[in-house]
PDB file of N, CA and C in Angstrom:
ATOM      1  N   MET A   1      14.236 -29.856  26.997  1.00  0.00           N
ATOM      2  CA  MET A   1      13.629 -29.718  25.686  1.00  0.00           C
ATOM      3  C   MET A   1      12.132 -29.967  25.847  1.00  0.00           C
ATOM      4  N   THR A   2      11.337 -29.137  25.229  1.00  0.00           N
ATOM      5  CA  THR A   2       9.888 -29.283  25.346  1.00  0.00           C
ATOM      6  C   THR A   2       9.378 -30.274  24.325  1.00  0.00           C
ATOM      7  N   GLN A   3       8.298 -30.925  24.666  1.00  0.00           N
ATOM      8  CA  GLN A   3       7.659 -31.875  23.754  1.00  0.00           C
ATOM      9  C   GLN A   3       6.695 -31.103  22.854  1.00  0.00           C
ATOM     10  N   SER A   4       6.858 -31.234  21.552  1.00  0.00           N
ATOM     11  CA  SER A   4       5.965 -30.524  20.629  1.00  0.00           C
ATOM     12  C   SER A   4       4.760 -31.376  20.261  1.00  0.00           C
ATOM     13  N   GLY A   5       4.818 -32.627  20.606  1.00  0.00           N
ATOM     14  CA  GLY A   5       3.707 -33.497  20.255  1.00  0.00           C
ATOM     15  C   GLY A   5       3.945 -34.208  18.938  1.00  0.00           C
ATOM     16  N   ASN A   6       4.905 -33.765  18.165  1.00  0.00           N
ATOM     17  CA  ASN A   6       5.209 -34.398  16.896  1.00  0.00           C
ATOM     18  C   ASN A   6       6.597 -35.038  17.005  1.00  0.00           C
ATOM     19  N   PRO A   7       6.679 -36.363  16.961  1.00  0.00           N
ATOM     20  CA  PRO A   7       7.973 -37.031  17.123  1.00  0.00           C
ATOM     21  C   PRO A   7       8.966 -36.673  16.010  1.00  0.00           C
ATOM     22  N   LEU A   8       8.465 -36.343  14.848  1.00  0.00           N
ATOM     23  CA  LEU A   8       9.352 -35.957  13.759  1.00  0.00           C
ATOM     24  C   LEU A   8      10.126 -34.692  14.112  1.00  0.00           C
ATOM     25  N   PHE A   9       9.432 -33.689  14.654  1.00  0.00           N
ATOM     26  CA  PHE A   9      10.098 -32.457  15.063  1.00  0.00           C
ATOM     27  C   PHE A   9      11.053 -32.687  16.228  1.00  0.00           C
ATOM     28  N   ASP A  10      10.621 -33.550  17.160  1.00  0.00           N
ATOM     29  CA  ASP A  10      11.486 -33.862  18.307  1.00  0.00           C
ATOM     30  C   ASP A  10      12.774 -34.546  17.847  1.00  0.00           C
ATOM     31  N   ASN A  11      12.641 -35.492  16.946  1.00  0.00           N
ATOM     32  CA  ASN A  11      13.819 -36.196  16.429  1.00  0.00           C
ATOM     33  C   ASN A  11      14.726 -35.250  15.642  1.00  0.00           C
ATOM     34  N   PHE A  12      14.120 -34.365  14.862  1.00  0.00           N
ATOM     35  CA  PHE A  12      14.899 -33.399  14.095  1.00  0.00           C
ATOM     36  C   PHE A  12      15.652 -32.447  15.031  1.00  0.00           C
ATOM     37  N   ALA A  13      14.990 -31.982  16.064  1.00  0.00           N
ATOM     38  CA  ALA A  13      15.629 -31.083  17.032  1.00  0.00           C
ATOM     39  C   ALA A  13      16.778 -31.795  17.740  1.00  0.00           C
ATOM     40  N   ARG A  14      16.576 -33.051  18.114  1.00  0.00           N
ATOM     41  CA  ARG A  14      17.618 -33.837  18.764  1.00  0.00           C
ATOM     42  C   ARG A  14      18.801 -34.042  17.808  1.00  0.00           C
ATOM     43  N   LEU A  15      18.513 -34.289  16.538  1.00  0.00           N
ATOM     44  CA  LEU A  15      19.546 -34.466  15.531  1.00  0.00           C
ATOM     45  C   LEU A  15      20.371 -33.183  15.356  1.00  0.00           C
ATOM     46  N   MET A  16      19.703 -32.049  15.316  1.00  0.00           N
ATOM     47  CA  MET A  16      20.410 -30.773  15.172  1.00  0.00           C
ATOM     48  C   MET A  16      21.275 -30.483  16.398  1.00  0.00           C
ATOM     49  N   THR A  17      20.779 -30.801  17.572  1.00  0.00           N
ATOM     50  CA  THR A  17      21.552 -30.602  18.802  1.00  0.00           C
ATOM     51  C   THR A  17      22.791 -31.487  18.794  1.00  0.00           C
ATOM     52  N   ASP A  18      22.627 -32.727  18.409  1.00  0.00           N
ATOM     53  CA  ASP A  18      23.763 -33.653  18.325  1.00  0.00           C
ATOM     54  C   ASP A  18      24.766 -33.192  17.265  1.00  0.00           C
ATOM     55  N   ALA A  19      24.272 -32.716  16.128  1.00  0.00           N
ATOM     56  CA  ALA A  19      25.155 -32.253  15.059  1.00  0.00           C
ATOM     57  C   ALA A  19      25.958 -31.041  15.523  1.00  0.00           C
ATOM     58  N   ALA A  20      25.338 -30.145  16.269  1.00  0.00           N
ATOM     59  CA  ALA A  20      26.063 -28.982  16.788  1.00  0.00           C
ATOM     60  C   ALA A  20      27.157 -29.425  17.756  1.00  0.00           C
ATOM     61  N   GLY A  21      26.853 -30.416  18.588  1.00  0.00           N
ATOM     62  CA  GLY A  21      27.855 -30.944  19.514  1.00  0.00           C
ATOM     63  C   GLY A  21      29.012 -31.597  18.785  1.00  0.00           C
ATOM     64  N   VAL A  22      28.717 -32.347  17.743  1.00  0.00           N
ATOM     65  CA  VAL A  22      29.768 -32.992  16.954  1.00  0.00           C
ATOM     66  C   VAL A  22      30.622 -31.936  16.262  1.00  0.00           C
ATOM     67  N   ALA A  23      29.996 -30.913  15.709  1.00  0.00           N
ATOM     68  CA  ALA A  23      30.745 -29.848  15.033  1.00  0.00           C
ATOM     69  C   ALA A  23      31.686 -29.137  16.008  1.00  0.00           C
ATOM     70  N   THR A  24      31.206 -28.903  17.215  1.00  0.00           N
ATOM     71  CA  THR A  24      32.061 -28.272  18.230  1.00  0.00           C
ATOM     72  C   THR A  24      33.236 -29.176  18.569  1.00  0.00           C
ATOM     73  N   GLY A  25      32.986 -30.467  18.705  1.00  0.00           N
ATOM     74  CA  GLY A  25      34.055 -31.420  18.997  1.00  0.00           C
ATOM     75  C   GLY A  25      35.077 -31.500  17.876  1.00  0.00           C
ATOM     76  N   VAL A  26      34.602 -31.502  16.645  1.00  0.00           N
ATOM     77  CA  VAL A  26      35.502 -31.543  15.488  1.00  0.00           C
ATOM     78  C   VAL A  26      36.353 -30.274  15.435  1.00  0.00           C
ATOM     79  N   LYS A  27      35.743 -29.140  15.723  1.00  0.00           N
ATOM     80  CA  LYS A  27      36.485 -27.876  15.730  1.00  0.00           C
ATOM     81  C   LYS A  27      37.595 -27.917  16.774  1.00  0.00           C
ATOM     82  N   ARG A  28      37.271 -28.369  17.989  1.00  0.00           N
ATOM     83  CA  ARG A  28      38.286 -28.461  19.044  1.00  0.00           C
ATOM     84  C   ARG A  28      39.408 -29.408  18.650  1.00  0.00           C
ATOM     85  N   GLU A  29      39.047 -30.538  18.082  1.00  0.00           N
ATOM     86  CA  GLU A  29      40.054 -31.518  17.664  1.00  0.00           C
ATOM     87  C   GLU A  29      40.953 -30.950  16.573  1.00  0.00           C
ATOM     88  N   ALA A  30      40.362 -30.261  15.595  1.00  0.00           N
ATOM     89  CA  ALA A  30      41.148 -29.657  14.519  1.00  0.00           C
ATOM     90  C   ALA A  30      42.092 -28.590  15.068  1.00  0.00           C
ATOM     91  N   GLU A  31      41.614 -27.773  15.990  1.00  0.00           N
ATOM     92  CA  GLU A  31      42.469 -26.753  16.604  1.00  0.00           C
ATOM     93  C   GLU A  31      43.633 -27.399  17.352  1.00  0.00           C
ATOM     94  N   GLY A  32      43.351 -28.480  18.059  1.00  0.00           N
ATOM     95  CA  GLY A  32      44.401 -29.186  18.788  1.00  0.00           C
ATOM     96  C   GLY A  32      45.453 -29.762  17.865  1.00  0.00           C
ATOM     97  N   VAL A  33      45.014 -30.370  16.772  1.00  0.00           N
ATOM     98  CA  VAL A  33      45.951 -30.953  15.802  1.00  0.00           C
ATOM     99  C   VAL A  33      46.787 -29.851  15.150  1.00  0.00           C
ATOM    100  N   MET A  34      46.137 -28.760  14.762  1.00  0.00           N
ATOM    101  CA  MET A  34      46.863 -27.663  14.125  1.00  0.00           C
ATOM    102  C   MET A  34      47.883 -27.044  15.077  1.00  0.00           C
ATOM    103  N   LYS A  35      47.500 -26.888  16.338  1.00  0.00           N
ATOM    104  CA  LYS A  35      48.419 -26.324  17.324  1.00  0.00           C
ATOM    105  C   LYS A  35      49.624 -27.240  17.511  1.00  0.00           C
ATOM    106  N   ALA A  36      49.381 -28.537  17.612  1.00  0.00           N
ATOM    107  CA  ALA A  36      50.484 -29.490  17.782  1.00  0.00           C
ATOM    108  C   ALA A  36      51.409 -29.479  16.566  1.00  0.00           C
ATOM    109  N   GLN A  37      50.850 -29.408  15.367  1.00  0.00           N
ATOM    110  CA  GLN A  37      51.660 -29.379  14.151  1.00  0.00           C
ATOM    111  C   GLN A  37      52.493 -28.098  14.088  1.00  0.00           C
ATOM    112  N   LEU A  38      51.898 -26.972  14.463  1.00  0.00           N
ATOM    113  CA  LEU A  38      52.617 -25.696  14.446  1.00  0.00           C
ATOM    114  C   LEU A  38      53.751 -25.706  15.468  1.00  0.00           C
ATOM    115  N   GLU A  39      53.494 -26.231  16.657  1.00  0.00           N
ATOM    116  CA  GLU A  39      54.545 -26.332  17.671  1.00  0.00           C
ATOM    117  C   GLU A  39      55.681 -27.223  17.184  1.00  0.00           C
ATOM    118  N   ARG A  40      55.360 -28.333  16.522  1.00  0.00           N
ATOM    119  CA  ARG A  40      56.383 -29.232  15.992  1.00  0.00           C
ATOM    120  C   ARG A  40      57.190 -28.544  14.897  1.00  0.00           C
ATOM    121  N   LEU A  41      56.516 -27.804  14.040  1.00  0.00           N
ATOM    122  CA  LEU A  41      57.195 -27.080  12.962  1.00  0.00           C
ATOM    123  C   LEU A  41      58.170 -26.051  13.529  1.00  0.00           C
ATOM    124  N   ILE A  42      57.727 -25.292  14.508  1.00  0.00           N
ATOM    125  CA  ILE A  42      58.593 -24.278  15.119  1.00  0.00           C
ATOM    126  C   ILE A  42      59.782 -24.947  15.799  1.00  0.00           C
ATOM    127  N   ARG A  43      59.545 -26.059  16.483  1.00  0.00           N
ATOM    128  CA  ARG A  43      60.626 -26.781  17.148  1.00  0.00           C
ATOM    129  C   ARG A  43      61.629 -27.302  16.125  1.00  0.00           C
ATOM    130  N   ASP A  44      61.136 -27.790  14.995  1.00  0.00           N
ATOM    131  CA  ASP A  44      62.012 -28.319  13.946  1.00  0.00           C
ATOM    132  C   ASP A  44      62.802 -27.229  13.237  1.00  0.00           C
ATOM    133  N   LEU A  45      62.289 -26.001  13.225  1.00  0.00           N
ATOM    134  CA  LEU A  45      62.999 -24.898  12.584  1.00  0.00           C
ATOM    135  C   LEU A  45      64.219 -24.461  13.386  1.00  0.00           C
ATOM    136  N   ASP A  46      64.303 -24.902  14.628  1.00  0.00           N
ATOM    137  CA  ASP A  46      65.438 -24.604  15.492  1.00  0.00           C
ATOM    138  C   ASP A  46      65.600 -23.101  15.693  1.00  0.00           C
ATOM    139  N   VAL A  47      64.494 -22.433  15.992  1.00  0.00           N
ATOM    140  CA  VAL A  47      64.543 -21.004  16.264  1.00  0.00           C
ATOM    141  C   VAL A  47      64.888 -20.779  17.737  1.00  0.00           C
ATOM    142  N   VAL A  48      65.474 -19.630  18.029  1.00  0.00           N
ATOM    143  CA  VAL A  48      65.851 -19.326  19.405  1.00  0.00           C
ATOM    144  C   VAL A  48      64.670 -18.712  20.141  1.00  0.00           C
ATOM    145  N   SER A  49      64.702 -18.854  21.446  1.00  0.00           N
ATOM    146  CA  SER A  49      63.652 -18.244  22.255  1.00  0.00           C
ATOM    147  C   SER A  49      63.937 -16.755  22.407  1.00  0.00           C
ATOM    148  N   ARG A  50      62.941 -16.029  22.823  1.00  0.00           N
ATOM    149  CA  ARG A  50      63.084 -14.589  23.023  1.00  0.00           C
ATOM    150  C   ARG A  50      64.149 -14.301  24.084  1.00  0.00           C
ATOM    151  N   GLU A  51      64.176 -15.120  25.145  1.00  0.00           N
ATOM    152  CA  GLU A  51      65.151 -14.923  26.219  1.00  0.00           C
ATOM    153  C   GLU A  51      66.575 -15.120  25.702  1.00  0.00           C
ATOM    154  N   GLU A  52      66.781 -16.161  24.888  1.00  0.00           N
ATOM    155  CA  GLU A  52      68.114 -16.403  24.323  1.00  0.00           C
ATOM    156  C   GLU A  52      68.532 -15.247  23.411  1.00  0.00           C
ATOM    157  N   PHE A  53      67.601 -14.777  22.592  1.00  0.00           N
ATOM    158  CA  PHE A  53      67.892 -13.669  21.690  1.00  0.00           C
ATOM    159  C   PHE A  53      68.296 -12.421  22.476  1.00  0.00           C
ATOM    160  N   GLU A  54      67.528 -12.097  23.510  1.00  0.00           N
ATOM    161  CA  GLU A  54      67.825 -10.913  24.307  1.00  0.00           C
ATOM    162  C   GLU A  54      69.174 -11.038  25.009  1.00  0.00           C
ATOM    163  N   ALA A  55      69.526 -12.234  25.492  1.00  0.00           N
ATOM    164  CA  ALA A  55      70.816 -12.429  26.159  1.00  0.00           C
ATOM    165  C   ALA A  55      71.967 -12.199  25.187  1.00  0.00           C
ATOM    166  N   VAL A  56      71.874 -12.752  23.984  1.00  0.00           N
ATOM    167  CA  VAL A  56      72.931 -12.572  22.985  1.00  0.00           C
ATOM    168  C   VAL A  56      72.990 -11.120  22.527  1.00  0.00           C
ATOM    169  N   ARG A  57      71.855 -10.485  22.398  1.00  0.00           N
ATOM    170  CA  ARG A  57      71.809  -9.065  22.003  1.00  0.00           C
ATOM    171  C   ARG A  57      72.519  -8.199  23.043  1.00  0.00           C
ATOM    172  N   THR A  58      72.245  -8.469  24.303  1.00  0.00           N
ATOM    173  CA  THR A  58      72.900  -7.716  25.375  1.00  0.00           C
ATOM    174  C   THR A  58      74.408  -7.930  25.344  1.00  0.00           C
ATOM    175  N   MET A  59      74.834  -9.156  25.136  1.00  0.00           N
ATOM    176  CA  MET A  59      76.264  -9.453  25.048  1.00  0.00           C
ATOM    177  C   MET A  59      76.894  -8.703  23.875  1.00  0.00           C
ATOM    178  N   ALA A  60      76.214  -8.657  22.753  1.00  0.00           N
ATOM    179  CA  ALA A  60      76.744  -7.958  21.572  1.00  0.00           C
ATOM    180  C   ALA A  60      76.870  -6.458  21.829  1.00  0.00           C
ATOM    181  N   ILE A  61      75.887  -5.884  22.484  1.00  0.00           N
ATOM    182  CA  ILE A  61      75.940  -4.450  22.801  1.00  0.00           C
ATOM    183  C   ILE A  61      77.117  -4.156  23.712  1.00  0.00           C
ATOM    184  N   LEU A  62      77.288  -4.969  24.749  1.00  0.00           N
ATOM    185  CA  LEU A  62      78.405  -4.769  25.677  1.00  0.00           C
ATOM    186  C   LEU A  62      79.743  -4.956  24.964  1.00  0.00           C
ATOM    187  N   ALA A  63      79.843  -5.941  24.087  1.00  0.00           N
ATOM    188  CA  ALA A  63      81.087  -6.183  23.349  1.00  0.00           C
ATOM    189  C   ALA A  63      81.398  -5.001  22.431  1.00  0.00           C
ATOM    190  N   ARG A  64      80.383  -4.449  21.789  1.00  0.00           N
ATOM    191  CA  ARG A  64      80.592  -3.295  20.908  1.00  0.00           C
ATOM    192  C   ARG A  64      81.079  -2.087  21.705  1.00  0.00           C
ATOM    193  N   GLU A  65      80.469  -1.862  22.863  1.00  0.00           N
ATOM    194  CA  GLU A  65      80.895  -0.733  23.702  1.00  0.00           C
ATOM    195  C   GLU A  65      82.350  -0.916  24.150  1.00  0.00           C
ATOM    196  N   GLU A  66      82.692  -2.124  24.562  1.00  0.00           N
ATOM    197  CA  GLU A  66      84.070  -2.410  24.980  1.00  0.00           C
ATOM    198  C   GLU A  66      85.037  -2.231  23.809  1.00  0.00           C
ATOM    199  N   ASN A  67      84.643  -2.670  22.630  1.00  0.00           N
ATOM    200  CA  ASN A  67      85.470  -2.523  21.437  1.00  0.00           C
ATOM    201  C   ASN A  67      85.722  -1.043  21.121  1.00  0.00           C
ATOM    202  N   GLU A  68      84.687  -0.221  21.243  1.00  0.00           N
ATOM    203  CA  GLU A  68      84.840   1.219  20.993  1.00  0.00           C
ATOM    204  C   GLU A  68      85.787   1.857  22.004  1.00  0.00           C
ATOM    205  N   LYS A  69      85.682   1.449  23.268  1.00  0.00           N
ATOM    206  CA  LYS A  69      86.588   1.977  24.300  1.00  0.00           C
ATOM    207  C   LYS A  69      88.035   1.578  23.994  1.00  0.00           C
ATOM    208  N   LEU A  70      88.224   0.325  23.623  1.00  0.00           N
ATOM    209  CA  LEU A  70      89.578  -0.148  23.321  1.00  0.00           C
ATOM    210  C   LEU A  70      90.149   0.536  22.076  1.00  0.00           C
ATOM    211  N   ALA A  71      89.304   0.775  21.079  1.00  0.00           N
ATOM    212  CA  ALA A  71      89.761   1.459  19.868  1.00  0.00           C
ATOM    213  C   ALA A  71      90.180   2.885  20.195  1.00  0.00           C
ATOM    214  N   ALA A  72      89.428   3.552  21.035  1.00  0.00           N
ATOM    215  CA  ALA A  72      89.775   4.921  21.430  1.00  0.00           C
ATOM    216  C   ALA A  72      91.083   4.924  22.226  1.00  0.00           C
ATOM    217  N   ARG A  73      91.234   3.965  23.119  1.00  0.00           N
ATOM    218  CA  ARG A  73      92.466   3.872  23.911  1.00  0.00           C
ATOM    219  C   ARG A  73      93.669   3.585  23.010  1.00  0.00           C
ATOM    220  N   LEU A  74      93.486   2.699  22.040  1.00  0.00           N
ATOM    221  CA  LEU A  74      94.568   2.372  21.108  1.00  0.00           C
ATOM    222  C   LEU A  74      94.963   3.606  20.284  1.00  0.00           C
ATOM    223  N   ALA A  75      93.968   4.341  19.822  1.00  0.00           N
ATOM    224  CA  ALA A  75      94.252   5.549  19.052  1.00  0.00           C
ATOM    225  C   ALA A  75      95.021   6.552  19.917  1.00  0.00           C
ATOM    226  N   GLU A  76      94.656   6.673  21.174  1.00  0.00           N
ATOM    227  CA  GLU A  76      95.344   7.580  22.089  1.00  0.00           C
ATOM    228  C   GLU A  76      96.799   7.153  22.302  1.00  0.00           C
ATOM    229  N   LEU A  77      97.013   5.860  22.496  1.00  0.00           N
ATOM    230  CA  LEU A  77      98.376   5.356  22.697  1.00  0.00           C
ATOM    231  C   LEU A  77      99.216   5.516  21.433  1.00  0.00           C
ATOM    232  N   GLU A  78      98.610   5.287  20.271  1.00  0.00           N
ATOM    233  CA  GLU A  78      99.338   5.474  19.011  1.00  0.00           C
ATOM    234  C   GLU A  78      99.723   6.937  18.828  1.00  0.00           C
ATOM    235  N   GLN A  79      98.849   7.833  19.235  1.00  0.00           N
ATOM    236  CA  GLN A  79      99.150   9.264  19.099  1.00  0.00           C
ATOM    237  C   GLN A  79     100.292   9.645  20.029  1.00  0.00           C
ATOM    238  N   LYS A  80     100.344   9.075  21.207  1.00  0.00           N
ATOM    239  CA  LYS A  80     101.427   9.369  22.142  1.00  0.00           C
ATOM    240  C   LYS A  80     102.764   8.860  21.624  1.00  0.00           C
ATOM    241  N   LEU A  81     102.737   7.716  20.915  1.00  0.00           N
ATOM    242  CA  LEU A  81     103.974   7.150  20.373  1.00  0.00           C
ATOM    243  C   LEU A  81     104.477   7.937  19.167  1.00  0.00           C
ATOM    244  N   SER A  82     103.623   8.632  18.484  1.00  0.00           N
ATOM    245  CA  SER A  82     104.012   9.382  17.280  1.00  0.00           C
ATOM    246  C   SER A  82     104.739  10.665  17.589  1.00  0.00           C
TER     247      SER A  82
END
C-alpha cells in the first residue's frame, strides 16, 4: 500500500481493506452453515441415493420382463388345455 501522506486516507483505506476481508469471511461462513444445514435436511428426509434408485429400477424392469414372459407362457399352457 502506498503512503499518501495523509493518515486519514491511509486509515480509511486500511479500514476498507479490513472490511472487505471480513465480508469475505462472513460470506464463506454463511455458505458453510447453509451447506451443512442443507445436507442435514436431505439426510433427515431419508431420500435414496441415485445408485440405490437405479438398482431398484433395474430390478423392477427385470421383474416386469419376467412377469410378461410368465404370463405369455401361462396363456399358452391354458390354450393347450382348452
